[in-house]
C-alpha atoms as a PDB file:
ATOM      1  CA  UNK A   1     -16.762  -2.308  17.689  1.00  0.00           C
ATOM      2  CA  UNK A   2     -15.949  -5.447  19.667  1.00  0.00           C
ATOM      3  CA  UNK A   3     -19.647  -6.126  20.206  1.00  0.00           C
ATOM      4  CA  UNK A   4     -20.192  -5.957  16.435  1.00  0.00           C
ATOM      5  CA  UNK A   5     -17.437  -8.504  15.926  1.00  0.00           C
ATOM      6  CA  UNK A   6     -18.917 -10.947  18.408  1.00  0.00           C
ATOM      7  CA  UNK A   7     -22.392 -10.584  16.874  1.00  0.00           C
ATOM      8  CA  UNK A   8     -21.224 -11.450  13.351  1.00  0.00           C
ATOM      9  CA  UNK A   9     -22.392 -14.926  12.352  1.00  0.00           C
ATOM     10  CA  UNK A  10     -20.600 -15.409   9.040  1.00  0.00           C
ATOM     11  CA  UNK A  11     -17.411 -14.185   7.404  1.00  0.00           C
ATOM     12  CA  UNK A  12     -19.405 -12.243   4.800  1.00  0.00           C
ATOM     13  CA  UNK A  13     -21.431 -10.573   7.517  1.00  0.00           C
ATOM     14  CA  UNK A  14     -18.272  -9.726   9.448  1.00  0.00           C
ATOM     15  CA  UNK A  15     -16.629  -8.270   6.350  1.00  0.00           C
ATOM     16  CA  UNK A  16     -19.695  -6.116   5.654  1.00  0.00           C
ATOM     17  CA  UNK A  17     -19.818  -4.869   9.247  1.00  0.00           C
ATOM     18  CA  UNK A  18     -16.119  -4.015   9.261  1.00  0.00           C
ATOM     19  CA  UNK A  19     -16.332  -2.297   5.878  1.00  0.00           C
ATOM     20  CA  UNK A  20     -19.281  -0.220   7.089  1.00  0.00           C
ATOM     21  CA  UNK A  21     -17.505   0.731  10.315  1.00  0.00           C
ATOM     22  CA  UNK A  22     -14.238   1.631   8.576  1.00  0.00           C
ATOM     23  CA  UNK A  23     -15.975   3.759   5.956  1.00  0.00           C
ATOM     24  CA  UNK A  24     -18.059   5.540   8.597  1.00  0.00           C
ATOM     25  CA  UNK A  25     -15.040   6.254  10.790  1.00  0.00           C
ATOM     26  CA  UNK A  26     -12.965   7.460   7.860  1.00  0.00           C
ATOM     27  CA  UNK A  27     -15.803   9.629   6.560  1.00  0.00           C
ATOM     28  CA  UNK A  28     -16.010  11.266   9.990  1.00  0.00           C
ATOM     29  CA  UNK A  29     -12.249  11.934   9.858  1.00  0.00           C
ATOM     30  CA  UNK A  30     -12.509  13.380   6.346  1.00  0.00           C
ATOM     31  CA  UNK A  31     -15.404  15.610   7.413  1.00  0.00           C
ATOM     32  CA  UNK A  32     -13.374  16.833  10.393  1.00  0.00           C
ATOM     33  CA  UNK A  33     -10.472  17.712   8.072  1.00  0.00           C
ATOM     34  CA  UNK A  34     -12.781  19.746   5.837  1.00  0.00           C
ATOM     35  CA  UNK A  35     -14.383  21.420   8.858  1.00  0.00           C
ATOM     36  CA  UNK A  36     -10.980  22.519  10.165  1.00  0.00           C
ATOM     37  CA  UNK A  37     -10.014  23.877   6.757  1.00  0.00           C
ATOM     38  CA  UNK A  38     -13.329  25.740   6.491  1.00  0.00           C
ATOM     39  CA  UNK A  39     -12.814  27.281   9.948  1.00  0.00           C
ATOM     40  CA  UNK A  40      -9.478  28.642   8.785  1.00  0.00           C
ATOM     41  CA  UNK A  41     -11.178  30.183   5.770  1.00  0.00           C
ATOM     42  CA  UNK A  42      -9.433  27.973   3.248  1.00  0.00           C
ATOM     43  CA  UNK A  43     -12.410  26.283   1.613  1.00  0.00           C
ATOM     44  CA  UNK A  44     -16.176  26.281   1.467  1.00  0.00           C
ATOM     45  CA  UNK A  45     -18.257  23.432   2.862  1.00  0.00           C
ATOM     46  CA  UNK A  46     -17.567  20.258   0.855  1.00  0.00           C
ATOM     47  CA  UNK A  47     -20.154  18.172  -0.920  1.00  0.00           C
ATOM     48  CA  UNK A  48     -20.980  14.696   0.338  1.00  0.00           C
ATOM     49  CA  UNK A  49     -19.365  13.220  -2.780  1.00  0.00           C
ATOM     50  CA  UNK A  50     -16.101  15.020  -2.059  1.00  0.00           C
ATOM     51  CA  UNK A  51     -16.059  13.777   1.537  1.00  0.00           C
ATOM     52  CA  UNK A  52     -16.780  10.239   0.363  1.00  0.00           C
ATOM     53  CA  UNK A  53     -13.980  10.428  -2.232  1.00  0.00           C
ATOM     54  CA  UNK A  54     -11.494  11.646   0.350  1.00  0.00           C
ATOM     55  CA  UNK A  55     -12.513   8.900   2.763  1.00  0.00           C
ATOM     56  CA  UNK A  56     -11.952   6.235   0.092  1.00  0.00           C
ATOM     57  CA  UNK A  57      -8.519   7.709  -0.662  1.00  0.00           C
ATOM     58  CA  UNK A  58      -7.679   7.733   3.051  1.00  0.00           C
ATOM     59  CA  UNK A  59      -8.731   4.081   3.409  1.00  0.00           C
ATOM     60  CA  UNK A  60      -6.634   3.141   0.381  1.00  0.00           C
ATOM     61  CA  UNK A  61      -3.628   4.955   1.804  1.00  0.00           C
ATOM     62  CA  UNK A  62      -3.971   3.184   5.126  1.00  0.00           C
ATOM     63  CA  UNK A  63      -4.237  -0.199   3.396  1.00  0.00           C
ATOM     64  CA  UNK A  64      -1.066   0.511   1.434  1.00  0.00           C
ATOM     65  CA  UNK A  65       0.784   1.549   4.590  1.00  0.00           C
ATOM     66  CA  UNK A  66      -0.336  -1.604   6.405  1.00  0.00           C
ATOM     67  CA  UNK A  67       0.719  -3.775   3.464  1.00  0.00           C
ATOM     68  CA  UNK A  68       4.128  -2.104   3.319  1.00  0.00           C
ATOM     69  CA  UNK A  69       4.627  -2.507   7.050  1.00  0.00           C
ATOM     70  CA  UNK A  70       3.642  -6.172   6.873  1.00  0.00           C
ATOM     71  CA  UNK A  71       5.928  -6.903   3.939  1.00  0.00           C
ATOM     72  CA  UNK A  72       8.908  -5.176   5.541  1.00  0.00           C
ATOM     73  CA  UNK A  73       8.467  -7.122   8.780  1.00  0.00           C
ATOM     74  CA  UNK A  74       8.263 -10.515   7.040  1.00  0.00           C
ATOM     75  CA  UNK A  75      11.982 -10.702   6.483  1.00  0.00           C
ATOM     76  CA  UNK A  76      14.933  -8.737   5.324  1.00  0.00           C
ATOM     77  CA  UNK A  77      15.698 -10.900   2.300  1.00  0.00           C
ATOM     78  CA  UNK A  78      13.348 -11.942  -0.465  1.00  0.00           C
ATOM     79  CA  UNK A  79      16.169 -13.590  -2.411  1.00  0.00           C
ATOM     80  CA  UNK A  80      16.000 -17.376  -2.723  1.00  0.00           C
ATOM     81  CA  UNK A  81      18.972 -19.680  -2.130  1.00  0.00           C
ATOM     82  CA  UNK A  82      19.275 -20.284  -5.880  1.00  0.00           C
ATOM     83  CA  UNK A  83      19.494 -16.553  -6.562  1.00  0.00           C
ATOM     84  CA  UNK A  84      22.116 -16.220  -3.840  1.00  0.00           C
ATOM     85  CA  UNK A  85      24.229 -18.890  -5.466  1.00  0.00           C
ATOM     86  CA  UNK A  86      23.449 -21.924  -3.326  1.00  0.00           C
ATOM     87  CA  UNK A  87      24.214 -21.848   0.353  1.00  0.00           C
ATOM     88  CA  UNK A  88      25.972 -18.492   0.250  1.00  0.00           C
ATOM     89  CA  UNK A  89      24.332 -16.482   3.080  1.00  0.00           C
ATOM     90  CA  UNK A  90      24.949 -13.101   1.456  1.00  0.00           C
ATOM     91  CA  UNK A  91      22.401 -12.199  -1.242  1.00  0.00           C
ATOM     92  CA  UNK A  92      23.586 -10.646  -4.485  1.00  0.00           C
ATOM     93  CA  UNK A  93      23.042  -6.970  -4.807  1.00  0.00           C
ATOM     94  CA  UNK A  94      20.513  -5.904  -7.395  1.00  0.00           C
ATOM     95  CA  UNK A  95      20.962  -2.942  -9.714  1.00  0.00           C
ATOM     96  CA  UNK A  96      18.003  -0.936 -10.896  1.00  0.00           C
ATOM     97  CA  UNK A  97      17.954  -0.550 -14.652  1.00  0.00           C
ATOM     98  CA  UNK A  98      15.430   0.654 -17.167  1.00  0.00           C
ATOM     99  CA  UNK A  99      13.781  -2.063 -19.220  1.00  0.00           C
ATOM    100  CA  UNK A 100      11.353  -0.906 -21.885  1.00  0.00           C
ATOM    101  CA  UNK A 101       7.947  -2.521 -21.448  1.00  0.00           C
ATOM    102  CA  UNK A 102       5.185  -1.930 -23.943  1.00  0.00           C
ATOM    103  CA  UNK A 103       2.099  -0.661 -22.169  1.00  0.00           C
ATOM    104  CA  UNK A 104       0.889   1.678 -24.863  1.00  0.00           C
ATOM    105  CA  UNK A 105       2.016   4.631 -26.896  1.00  0.00           C
ATOM    106  CA  UNK A 106       3.488   7.525 -25.001  1.00  0.00           C
ATOM    107  CA  UNK A 107       4.006   5.649 -21.751  1.00  0.00           C
ATOM    108  CA  UNK A 108       7.509   5.644 -20.270  1.00  0.00           C
ATOM    109  CA  UNK A 109       9.370   2.375 -19.697  1.00  0.00           C
ATOM    110  CA  UNK A 110       8.975   0.933 -16.236  1.00  0.00           C
ATOM    111  CA  UNK A 111      11.891   0.242 -13.905  1.00  0.00           C
ATOM    112  CA  UNK A 112      12.622  -3.404 -13.307  1.00  0.00           C
ATOM    113  CA  UNK A 113      15.083  -4.870 -10.835  1.00  0.00           C
ATOM    114  CA  UNK A 114      17.576  -7.218 -12.436  1.00  0.00           C
ATOM    115  CA  UNK A 115      20.562  -8.946 -10.830  1.00  0.00           C
ATOM    116  CA  UNK A 116      23.700  -6.896 -11.202  1.00  0.00           C
ATOM    117  CA  UNK A 117      26.595  -8.381 -13.103  1.00  0.00           C
ATOM    118  CA  UNK A 118      28.895  -9.925 -10.559  1.00  0.00           C
ATOM    119  CA  UNK A 119      32.556 -10.357 -11.229  1.00  0.00           C
ATOM    120  CA  UNK A 120      34.343 -13.522 -10.250  1.00  0.00           C
ATOM    121  CA  UNK A 121      36.725 -13.168  -7.338  1.00  0.00           C
ATOM    122  CA  UNK A 122      40.301 -12.579  -8.422  1.00  0.00           C
ATOM    123  CA  UNK A 123      42.531 -15.438  -7.661  1.00  0.00           C
END
């Protein structure tokens, strides 16, 4: 893999090489999963299309996991100073509430995070 990276001349070429390598490796993993299931008597031999579909799903899942890991390591607070109320170091807590959004008939409203109502300190 490292030799492929050093041979790449352009970013587009590198991206194509990496995409090819990732898909091939993931397809091999998907095929191994199906082979193990077939050995146990659970399923028949899969079609190439089914293996390819599973490999794409596996790649997508890995990308989501990497994105989540990266976003959680960027920082513990995504609340700006204005949302915190100036220089106050403690961010406001947010309450999850249902806000109806129109996406089409029969679709449920999506959850949106809105700032919770904060009461003024007694005094």
